[in-house]
Amino acid sequence: PSDPNVPFPNDFVAIVQNIFKRLFRIYAHIYHHHRRDVVQMGAETNLDTSFKHFYYFCNEFKLIPEDQMKPLEEITNSFK
């Protein structure tokens, strides 16, 4: 809500978790099917940095369960 006097809806966390789950699927698709294109464009560092920030944000606020992040486990393990 834009008005500080209006409370967030009861299902706000569930909505945000669903959005972030979908965003994760986009990252997974890019890494699995378009990584070569990203490298050719010279944007690999940008993609990795963006995903790293996304990953840490998801972990900090527990938005995506670890088991659902398995498709990019090799990449996320390099962050630790």
Protein backbone atom coordinates (compact mmCIF):
# COMPACT_ATOMS: atom_id res chain seq x y z
CA PRO A 1 0.00 0.00 0.00
CA SER A 2 1.14 3.53 -0.73
CA ASP A 3 -0.64 4.95 2.31
CA PRO A 4 1.20 4.16 5.57
CA ASN A 5 -2.15 3.93 7.38
CA VAL A 6 -3.33 1.09 5.18
CA PRO A 7 -2.11 -2.35 6.33
CA PHE A 8 -0.62 -4.92 3.99
CA PRO A 9 -3.04 -7.67 2.95
CA ASN A 10 -2.97 -10.88 4.98
CA ASP A 11 -1.65 -12.86 2.03
CA PHE A 12 1.14 -10.37 1.20
CA VAL A 13 3.99 -12.78 1.99
CA ALA A 14 2.43 -15.55 -0.10
CA ILE A 15 2.04 -13.16 -3.04
CA VAL A 16 5.67 -12.02 -2.78
CA GLN A 17 6.89 -15.63 -2.50
CA ASN A 18 4.98 -16.53 -5.66
CA ILE A 19 6.47 -13.58 -7.54
CA PHE A 20 10.00 -14.49 -6.46
CA LYS A 21 9.47 -18.15 -7.33
CA ARG A 22 8.54 -17.06 -10.86
CA LEU A 23 11.53 -14.73 -11.07
CA PHE A 24 13.78 -17.62 -10.03
CA ARG A 25 12.38 -19.71 -12.88
CA ILE A 26 13.34 -16.93 -15.30
CA TYR A 27 16.91 -16.93 -13.96
CA ALA A 28 17.02 -20.73 -14.24
CA HIS A 29 15.78 -20.56 -17.83
CA ILE A 30 18.39 -17.95 -18.74
CA TYR A 31 21.22 -19.92 -17.12
CA HIS A 32 20.19 -23.24 -18.69
CA HIS A 33 19.15 -22.12 -22.17
CA HIS A 34 20.72 -18.74 -22.90
CA ARG A 35 23.98 -18.58 -20.97
CA ARG A 36 26.05 -18.87 -24.15
CA ASP A 37 24.20 -15.87 -25.59
CA VAL A 38 24.77 -13.88 -22.40
CA VAL A 39 28.50 -14.69 -22.52
CA GLN A 40 28.70 -13.68 -26.20
CA MET A 41 27.11 -10.32 -25.35
CA GLY A 42 29.66 -9.82 -22.58
CA ALA A 43 26.93 -9.62 -19.95
CA GLU A 44 27.82 -12.67 -17.87
CA THR A 45 29.10 -10.59 -14.96
CA ASN A 46 25.90 -8.54 -14.97
CA LEU A 47 23.74 -11.67 -14.93
CA ASP A 48 25.79 -13.28 -12.17
CA THR A 49 25.73 -10.13 -10.02
CA SER A 50 22.00 -9.68 -10.51
CA PHE A 51 21.30 -13.30 -9.62
CA LYS A 52 23.61 -13.18 -6.62
CA HIS A 53 21.71 -10.19 -5.18
CA PHE A 54 18.42 -11.93 -5.94
CA TYR A 55 19.63 -15.13 -4.23
CA TYR A 56 20.80 -13.35 -1.08
CA PHE A 57 17.55 -11.37 -0.85
CA CYS A 58 15.52 -14.58 -1.18
CA ASN A 59 17.58 -16.27 1.52
CA GLU A 60 17.44 -13.30 3.87
CA PHE A 61 13.65 -13.18 3.78
CA LYS A 62 13.06 -16.91 3.19
CA LEU A 63 11.10 -16.30 0.00
CA ILE A 64 12.02 -19.51 -1.83
CA PRO A 65 12.65 -22.86 -0.11
CA GLU A 66 16.17 -24.26 -0.69
CA ASP A 67 14.81 -27.40 -2.35
CA GLN A 68 13.20 -25.26 -5.06
CA MET A 69 16.55 -23.62 -5.80
CA LYS A 70 18.17 -26.95 -6.71
CA PRO A 71 18.22 -26.26 -10.49
CA LEU A 72 20.87 -23.56 -9.91
CA GLU A 73 22.59 -25.23 -6.97
CA GLU A 74 25.97 -25.30 -8.71
CA ILE A 75 25.83 -21.52 -9.13
CA THR A 76 24.45 -20.77 -5.67
CA ASN A 77 27.12 -22.96 -4.04
CA SER A 78 29.77 -20.72 -5.59
CA PHE A 79 28.29 -17.79 -3.59
CA LYS A 80 28.91 -19.45 -0.22
